Protein backbone atom coordinates (compact mmCIF):
# COMPACT_ATOMS: atom_id res chain seq x y z
CA MET A 1 28.45 104.51 -55.95
CA ALA A 2 31.63 105.57 -56.61
CA CYS A 3 32.60 107.67 -59.29
CA THR A 4 35.15 106.43 -62.06
CA TYR A 5 36.97 109.38 -62.31
CA THR A 6 38.89 110.42 -59.50
CA ASP A 7 41.65 112.90 -61.09
CA LEU A 8 39.84 115.27 -63.45
CA PRO A 9 41.53 118.35 -64.54
CA LYS A 10 39.80 120.88 -62.56
CA LEU A 11 38.42 123.19 -65.37
CA GLY A 12 35.84 122.01 -67.51
CA PHE A 13 34.33 123.85 -70.91
CA GLY A 14 30.75 124.38 -70.18
CA PHE A 15 28.86 124.72 -73.86
CA MET A 16 25.80 126.79 -72.75
CA ARG A 17 27.60 130.07 -74.03
CA LEU A 18 29.18 129.49 -77.21
CA PRO A 19 30.49 132.01 -79.61
CA GLU A 20 27.82 132.82 -82.26
CA VAL A 21 27.82 134.45 -85.98
CA GLU A 22 24.87 136.12 -87.76
CA GLY A 23 23.57 133.16 -90.05
CA ALA A 24 20.99 133.53 -93.02
CA GLY A 25 18.11 135.80 -92.34
CA GLY A 26 19.73 137.39 -89.23
CA SER A 27 19.46 134.00 -87.21
CA LYS A 28 22.33 133.55 -84.87
CA GLU A 29 24.32 130.26 -85.28
CA ILE A 30 27.27 129.03 -83.42
CA ASP A 31 30.83 129.83 -84.70
CA LEU A 32 32.23 126.59 -85.37
CA ASP A 33 35.38 127.55 -86.69
CA THR A 34 35.98 129.79 -83.73
CA LEU A 35 34.90 127.18 -81.50
CA ALA A 36 37.29 124.72 -82.61
CA GLY A 37 40.23 127.20 -81.80
CA MET A 38 38.93 127.69 -78.36
CA VAL A 39 38.43 123.58 -77.91
CA ASP A 40 42.29 123.14 -79.08
CA THR A 41 43.61 125.94 -76.50
CA PHE A 42 41.78 124.13 -73.99
CA MET A 43 42.86 120.19 -75.00
CA ASP A 44 46.15 121.85 -75.45
CA GLY A 45 46.26 123.04 -71.91
CA GLY A 46 45.62 119.65 -70.71
CA PHE A 47 41.64 119.97 -70.04
CA THR A 48 39.41 117.49 -70.89
CA TYR A 49 35.86 117.76 -69.53
CA PHE A 50 33.05 119.14 -72.31
CA ASP A 51 29.56 119.75 -70.64
CA THR A 52 26.97 120.30 -72.87
CA ALA A 53 22.79 119.28 -72.34
CA ARG A 54 19.60 118.76 -74.40
CA GLY A 55 18.48 121.87 -74.79
CA TYR A 56 21.63 124.40 -75.07
CA HIS A 57 21.63 126.79 -77.88
CA GLY A 58 18.06 125.87 -78.72
CA GLY A 59 19.24 122.19 -79.18
CA ARG A 60 22.45 123.12 -81.20
CA SER A 61 24.95 122.61 -78.61
CA GLU A 62 25.15 118.53 -78.89
CA ALA A 63 25.95 118.98 -82.55
CA ALA A 64 28.56 121.62 -81.62
CA LEU A 65 30.45 119.37 -79.52
CA LYS A 66 30.56 116.90 -81.83
CA ALA A 67 31.66 118.73 -84.49
CA ALA A 68 34.33 120.63 -82.66
CA VAL A 69 35.58 117.84 -80.11
CA VAL A 70 34.29 114.45 -80.83
CA ASP A 71 35.15 114.59 -84.70
CA ARG A 72 38.94 115.79 -84.13
CA TYR A 73 40.02 114.15 -81.06
CA PRO A 74 40.46 110.31 -79.81
CA ARG A 75 37.35 109.74 -77.93
CA GLU A 76 39.66 108.39 -75.08
CA SER A 77 41.04 111.88 -74.72
CA PHE A 78 38.30 113.33 -73.33
CA GLN A 79 34.92 113.24 -71.15
CA VAL A 80 31.34 114.02 -72.38
CA ALA A 81 28.69 115.17 -69.83
CA THR A 82 25.13 115.91 -71.24
CA LYS A 83 21.76 116.08 -69.60
CA LEU A 84 17.83 115.04 -70.17
CA PRO A 85 15.78 117.64 -69.40
CA ALA A 86 12.43 116.04 -68.60
CA TRP A 87 10.56 119.16 -68.20
CA MET A 88 11.02 119.82 -71.80
CA ALA A 89 9.34 116.48 -73.25
CA GLU A 90 5.54 115.97 -73.81
CA ASP A 91 5.20 112.49 -72.18
CA ALA A 92 7.50 109.34 -70.82
CA SER A 93 8.15 108.59 -74.50
CA SER A 94 9.49 111.85 -75.58
CA ALA A 95 11.76 112.46 -72.57
CA ARG A 96 13.44 109.05 -72.91
CA ALA A 97 13.56 109.61 -76.55
CA MET A 98 16.08 112.59 -76.01
CA PHE A 99 18.87 110.03 -74.72
CA ASP A 100 19.16 108.36 -77.97
CA THR A 101 18.96 111.97 -79.49
CA SER A 102 21.72 113.22 -77.61
CA LEU A 103 23.73 110.17 -78.13
CA GLU A 104 23.46 110.62 -82.06
CA GLN A 105 24.08 114.66 -81.84
CA THR A 106 27.20 114.10 -79.77
CA GLY A 107 28.61 111.02 -81.76
CA ALA A 108 30.08 110.45 -78.43
CA GLY A 109 29.74 106.74 -78.11
CA TYR A 110 28.60 106.72 -74.75
CA PHE A 111 28.87 109.38 -72.05
CA ASP A 112 31.18 109.71 -69.35
CA PHE A 113 28.89 111.80 -67.33
CA PHE A 114 24.98 111.82 -67.86
CA LEU A 115 22.85 114.18 -65.70
CA LEU A 116 19.26 114.50 -65.11
CA HIS A 117 18.77 117.90 -65.80
CA ASN A 118 17.98 120.90 -63.70
CA LEU A 119 15.70 119.28 -60.83
CA GLY A 120 13.96 121.18 -58.14
CA GLU A 121 10.81 123.01 -57.64
CA ASP A 122 8.01 121.67 -59.16
CA ARG A 123 10.57 119.99 -62.16
CA THR A 124 11.68 116.72 -59.87
CA HIS A 125 8.60 114.80 -59.86
CA LEU A 126 8.92 114.20 -63.87
CA PHE A 127 11.80 112.29 -63.74
CA ASP A 128 10.25 110.12 -61.14
CA ASP A 129 6.86 109.83 -62.68
CA TRP A 130 8.10 108.93 -66.16
CA GLY A 131 10.63 106.21 -64.58
CA LEU A 132 13.44 108.33 -65.90
CA TRP A 133 15.75 107.01 -62.96
CA ASP A 134 15.25 103.34 -63.77
CA TYR A 135 15.79 104.03 -67.63
CA LEU A 136 18.82 105.75 -67.29
CA ALA A 137 20.21 102.75 -64.84
CA GLU A 138 19.62 100.79 -67.43
CA LYS A 139 21.67 102.59 -69.93
CA LYS A 140 24.43 102.62 -67.57
CA GLY A 141 24.16 99.02 -67.19
CA GLU A 142 24.55 98.66 -71.08
CA GLY A 143 27.59 100.68 -70.53
CA LEU A 144 26.22 103.69 -72.48
CA VAL A 145 26.52 105.91 -69.39
CA ARG A 146 29.58 105.48 -67.24
CA ASN A 147 28.57 108.38 -63.93
CA LEU A 148 25.00 109.39 -63.41
CA GLY A 149 24.06 112.32 -61.49
CA PHE A 150 21.63 115.11 -61.68
CA SER A 151 22.07 119.07 -61.49
CA ILE A 152 19.79 121.18 -59.62
CA HIS A 153 19.00 124.78 -58.78
CA ASP A 154 17.01 124.59 -55.31
CA LYS A 155 17.82 124.84 -51.93
CA ALA A 156 19.76 122.09 -49.78
CA ASP A 157 16.26 120.90 -48.13
CA ALA A 158 15.32 119.88 -51.94
CA LEU A 159 18.58 118.77 -52.81
CA GLU A 160 18.96 116.44 -49.87
CA ALA A 161 15.18 115.14 -50.71
CA VAL A 162 16.78 113.72 -53.96
CA LEU A 163 19.57 112.28 -52.61
CA ASP A 164 17.67 110.56 -49.93
CA ALA A 165 15.30 109.16 -52.47
CA HIS A 166 18.43 108.30 -55.12
CA PRO A 167 21.30 107.39 -53.00
CA GLU A 168 22.87 105.28 -56.50
CA VAL A 169 23.95 108.22 -57.74
CA ASP A 170 27.67 108.62 -58.61
CA PHE A 171 27.94 112.63 -58.68
CA VAL A 172 25.82 116.01 -58.07
CA GLN A 173 26.23 119.19 -59.99
CA LEU A 174 25.72 122.05 -58.02
CA GLN A 175 25.65 126.13 -58.54
CA VAL A 176 28.83 127.36 -56.33
CA ASN A 177 30.47 130.61 -56.21
CA TYR A 178 31.93 132.81 -53.45
CA ALA A 179 29.07 135.51 -53.72
CA ASP A 180 26.35 132.66 -53.44
CA TRP A 181 28.36 130.61 -50.70
CA GLU A 182 25.87 132.04 -47.53
CA SER A 183 23.12 133.14 -49.83
CA GLU A 184 19.53 132.39 -48.55
CA THR A 185 18.08 132.09 -52.30
CA VAL A 186 21.04 129.79 -53.47
CA GLU A 187 22.45 128.08 -50.60
CA SER A 188 25.68 127.07 -52.02
CA ARG A 189 27.74 126.22 -49.06
CA LYS A 190 24.70 124.16 -47.57
CA CYS A 191 23.87 122.43 -51.01
CA TYR A 192 27.87 121.47 -51.42
CA GLU A 193 27.91 120.16 -47.49
CA ALA A 194 24.92 118.00 -48.15
CA ALA A 195 26.56 116.47 -50.98
CA ARG A 196 30.01 115.90 -49.47
CA ALA A 197 28.46 114.45 -46.12
CA ARG A 198 27.17 111.57 -48.43
CA ASN A 199 30.82 111.50 -50.12
CA LEU A 200 29.53 112.66 -53.43
CA PRO A 201 32.11 114.34 -55.85
CA VAL A 202 30.50 117.91 -56.79
CA VAL A 203 30.62 119.33 -60.26
CA VAL A 204 30.47 122.94 -60.11
CA MET A 205 28.36 124.96 -62.53
CA GLU A 206 28.27 128.87 -62.47
CA PRO A 207 31.26 129.53 -60.62
CA VAL A 208 31.51 133.16 -62.09
CA LYS A 209 27.82 133.71 -61.75
CA GLY A 210 27.20 133.54 -65.40
CA GLY A 211 30.00 136.00 -65.96
CA SER A 212 28.61 138.56 -63.10
CA LEU A 213 31.60 138.13 -61.20
CA VAL A 214 34.07 139.90 -63.66
CA LYS A 215 31.78 142.42 -63.49
CA LEU A 216 31.77 143.32 -59.73
CA PRO A 217 31.28 147.04 -58.47
CA ASP A 218 34.50 149.06 -58.57
CA ASN A 219 34.87 149.14 -54.72
CA ALA A 220 34.25 145.49 -54.72
CA ALA A 221 36.68 144.88 -57.67
CA ALA A 222 39.27 147.08 -55.48
CA VAL A 223 39.43 144.54 -52.82
CA LEU A 224 40.39 141.88 -55.00
CA ARG A 225 42.82 143.94 -57.36
CA ASN A 226 44.47 145.31 -54.33
CA ALA A 227 44.85 141.77 -52.52
CA ALA A 228 46.39 140.41 -55.96
CA PRO A 229 47.05 142.94 -58.71
CA ASP A 230 47.75 140.67 -61.42
CA GLU A 231 44.84 137.83 -60.69
CA PRO A 232 42.06 138.47 -63.40
CA LEU A 233 38.60 138.66 -61.25
CA ALA A 234 37.24 135.43 -63.25
CA ALA A 235 40.61 133.60 -61.71
CA TRP A 236 39.40 134.31 -58.06
CA ALA A 237 36.25 132.93 -58.60
CA LEU A 238 37.51 129.48 -60.56
CA ARG A 239 40.09 129.01 -57.92
CA PHE A 240 37.48 129.52 -55.00
CA ALA A 241 35.34 126.58 -56.54
CA ALA A 242 38.41 124.81 -57.03
CA SER A 243 39.73 124.73 -53.88
CA LEU A 244 37.03 122.78 -52.42
CA PRO A 245 37.50 119.10 -51.16
CA GLY A 246 35.62 116.81 -53.48
CA VAL A 247 35.35 118.95 -56.62
CA LEU A 248 35.62 116.95 -59.57
CA THR A 249 35.69 119.83 -62.04
CA VAL A 250 34.64 123.71 -62.32
CA LEU A 251 32.64 124.36 -65.29
CA SER A 252 32.98 127.49 -67.20
CA GLY A 253 30.82 128.41 -69.88
CA MET A 254 33.44 130.37 -72.25
CA SER A 255 32.45 132.72 -74.97
CA THR A 256 35.46 133.76 -76.56
CA PRO A 257 39.13 132.64 -77.18
CA GLY A 258 40.11 135.11 -74.62
CA GLN A 259 38.30 133.59 -71.76
CA VAL A 260 39.89 130.31 -72.71
CA GLU A 261 42.92 131.44 -72.70
CA GLU A 262 43.14 133.33 -69.53
CA ASN A 263 41.09 130.50 -67.46
CA VAL A 264 43.56 127.69 -69.07
CA ARG A 265 46.57 129.81 -67.78
CA THR A 266 44.55 130.32 -64.28
CA MET A 267 43.94 126.68 -63.64
CA ARG A 268 47.34 125.07 -65.47
CA ALA A 269 49.04 126.95 -62.61
CA PHE A 270 46.24 126.32 -60.06
CA ARG A 271 46.96 127.14 -56.71
CA PRO A 272 44.13 126.79 -53.65
CA VAL A 273 42.66 129.98 -51.98
CA GLY A 274 44.68 130.69 -48.90
CA ALA A 275 43.58 132.15 -45.76
CA GLU A 276 44.31 135.80 -46.71
CA GLU A 277 42.63 135.14 -50.21
CA ARG A 278 39.36 133.66 -48.67
CA ALA A 279 39.50 136.99 -46.13
CA ALA A 280 39.57 138.89 -49.38
CA LEU A 281 36.41 137.25 -50.75
CA ASP A 282 34.35 137.41 -47.55
CA HIS A 283 35.05 141.10 -47.75
CA VAL A 284 33.62 141.25 -51.42
CA ARG A 285 30.74 139.34 -50.44
CA ALA A 286 30.00 141.64 -47.44
CA ILE A 287 30.33 144.53 -49.99
CA LEU A 288 27.72 142.94 -52.45
CA ASP A 289 25.07 142.11 -49.10
CA GLY A 290 25.25 145.52 -48.28
CA ILE A 291 24.00 146.92 -51.95
CA PRO A 292 20.22 147.48 -51.72
CA THR A 293 18.41 144.66 -53.42
CA VAL A 294 15.04 142.95 -53.57
CA PRO A 295 14.90 141.25 -50.27
CA CYS A 296 13.51 138.35 -51.53
CA THR A 297 14.80 134.74 -49.82
CA ASP A 298 12.76 132.34 -52.35
CA CYS A 299 10.64 131.00 -49.72
CA ARG A 300 8.22 130.53 -53.14
CA TYR A 301 4.83 131.28 -51.08
CA CYS A 302 4.04 133.77 -53.60
CA LEU A 303 4.40 130.76 -56.28
CA LYS A 304 1.93 128.73 -54.32
CA SER A 305 -0.67 131.64 -54.25
CA CYS A 306 -0.38 133.21 -57.75
CA PRO A 307 -3.40 132.83 -59.56
CA GLN A 308 -1.61 133.75 -63.04
CA GLY A 309 1.22 131.51 -62.40
CA VAL A 310 4.05 134.14 -62.25
CA ARG A 311 7.51 133.20 -61.72
CA VAL A 312 8.07 135.97 -59.05
CA PRO A 313 11.37 134.54 -57.52
CA ALA A 314 13.11 134.21 -60.97
CA ALA A 315 11.92 137.79 -61.82
CA LEU A 316 13.19 139.58 -58.77
CA ALA A 317 16.60 137.30 -58.92
CA SER A 318 16.95 139.36 -62.31
CA LEU A 319 16.54 142.71 -60.75
CA ASN A 320 19.02 141.68 -58.30
CA ILE A 321 21.56 140.73 -60.99
CA LEU A 322 21.01 144.09 -62.45
CA ALA A 323 21.58 145.94 -58.98
CA LEU A 324 24.48 143.81 -57.83
CA TYR A 325 26.18 143.58 -60.85
CA GLY A 326 24.84 146.09 -63.47
CA ASP A 327 25.29 143.07 -65.76
CA GLU A 328 22.23 143.40 -68.28
CA HIS A 329 23.70 140.33 -70.40
CA ARG A 330 23.17 137.92 -67.30
CA ALA A 331 20.07 139.31 -65.92
CA GLN A 332 18.09 138.73 -69.29
CA GLU A 333 19.41 135.32 -69.53
CA ASN A 334 18.30 134.53 -65.76
CA TYR A 335 15.02 135.80 -66.86
CA ASP A 336 14.67 134.09 -70.21
CA TRP A 337 15.47 130.69 -68.56
CA ASN A 338 13.68 130.85 -65.38
CA ALA A 339 10.96 133.47 -65.53
CA SER A 340 9.83 133.55 -68.93
CA ALA A 341 7.52 130.70 -68.47
CA GLY A 342 5.45 132.77 -65.93
CA PRO A 343 6.46 136.27 -67.41
CA ALA A 344 5.95 139.32 -65.22
CA SER A 345 3.57 140.78 -67.51
CA SER A 346 0.99 138.34 -66.82
CA CYS A 347 0.49 139.78 -63.09
CA ILE A 348 -3.14 141.07 -62.55
CA ALA A 349 -1.97 142.96 -59.29
CA CYS A 350 -4.35 140.87 -57.44
CA GLY A 351 -2.23 141.20 -54.31
CA VAL A 352 -2.27 137.58 -53.31
CA CYS A 353 1.18 137.36 -53.12
CA GLU A 354 1.96 140.23 -51.15
CA GLY A 355 -0.11 139.22 -48.35
CA VAL A 356 1.73 135.76 -48.30
CA CYS A 357 5.24 137.34 -48.48
CA PRO A 358 7.42 136.97 -45.29
CA GLN A 359 9.64 140.17 -46.40
CA ARG A 360 6.81 142.45 -47.12
CA ILE A 361 8.17 143.16 -50.37
CA GLY A 362 6.05 145.20 -52.91
CA ILE A 363 5.77 142.36 -55.01
CA VAL A 364 3.40 143.87 -57.99
CA ARG A 365 5.52 146.95 -58.15
CA GLU A 366 8.74 145.13 -58.94
CA LEU A 367 7.21 142.72 -61.32
CA ALA A 368 6.27 145.76 -63.43
CA ARG A 369 9.64 146.93 -63.29
CA ALA A 370 10.56 143.60 -64.32
CA ALA A 371 8.43 143.33 -66.86
CA GLY A 372 9.56 146.37 -68.38
CA LEU A 373 13.02 145.48 -68.09
CA PHE A 374 13.50 142.01 -69.51
CA GLU A 375 10.35 141.62 -71.62
CA LYS A 376 10.87 142.33 -75.21
CA ARG A 377 8.31 145.00 -76.84
C-alpha cells in the first residue's frame, strides 16, 4: 500500500512524556497550560505530526492531545497518530472498543495514522487472534483511518514475520537511533532495512533513546562536541534518524518548552548527517560498546524456561541503561514499561535460566540487583 502522506515535516511530537504538575492529593497531572505553549512553538515552527496512544500517561494522553491541539487548531493543519494496545485489553470486544474510545478522547474525527501498538514477543498473536487487523481495515474503509501500520519492539526476524503476514500495511514505526544501530538486542539497522526492502515508510521512535543520548559519558560527549561545538547532543540523534531514506518523521517525546525550542531549531535548519559526522557517531558507538554491561543478547531462552515468568531481558536492559548513560529516569521507565509484568523480585533463584543462557550470565545475581534498584519499597 502507498502511504497517503509523502512529504511530512521530519519532526514529530510524541505525547508519551508530557510535562506534569502536582494535582489533588499529590497525584501527577498533565500540565495543559505548559503543553499548549509547547504545541504552539512546535506548530509555529512548521511541524504538524502528533503521536499518542491509548495507554500513555495512564490513559490521559489522548485527551491532552484534544485539549492542546485538536480543540485549538483547524483539523486539516495537523496529523494525529494513535495506537491500539491489544495486550491491555481483556478480550476481543474490549480491544475493539479502544478504537472508539480513542476517537472520542482525541476528538480528531479520523486518524491520519493508526497503529497496532507494540507488537513483538508474546503480544503479536493477540492482534491476529482477536481479528484486529480486519477490524481496523474496516475502519480504514470507512474513512476513519487514512494510514494503517504498527509499532514493534523486537528483532528483525519478528518484524519480517509480521510484514510477510500483513503486506497491506502502509507504514511501520521502529526504534531507530545511532546507539542501537548495530545492537544485537534492538537491531535498529536490520529492522530499518527490512522495512525499506519492502518499500515501507518508517516512522522513527526513540531517536534519542528515551533521553539517554543527551546523557552520554563524558568521553563520548566530547567526541561530538569536538566535532561540532555548537550542536546539541539531541540534534545529533535527531539528524541521524532523519537522514535515513524513507523516514516519514522522527518522533521526540518532549517534556519541556526548552526541548521543543531546541528540537524545532535543529529540524527547521535540518541538514543530513555527513561522512565526517557519521564517523564521529561511529566513534561514540564504539565508546559505548566498550563500557562493561550485562552481555545479554535478548535471545530469550531465559523467558522460555523461567517458572515465574520473570522478564529477564527487560530487567537486564535497565541495568545496562544505568551502566552506559547513568540515566536513572530512563532505566526506571524501561523497567516499569517492560519488566514490571514479571518483576525481578519474583525470581526464586532456581537457576534454570542460567543453565540455558548462551552468554553464561549470572542472571540470579543480576535480577537481585535489578530488584533492589528498580522496585519501589
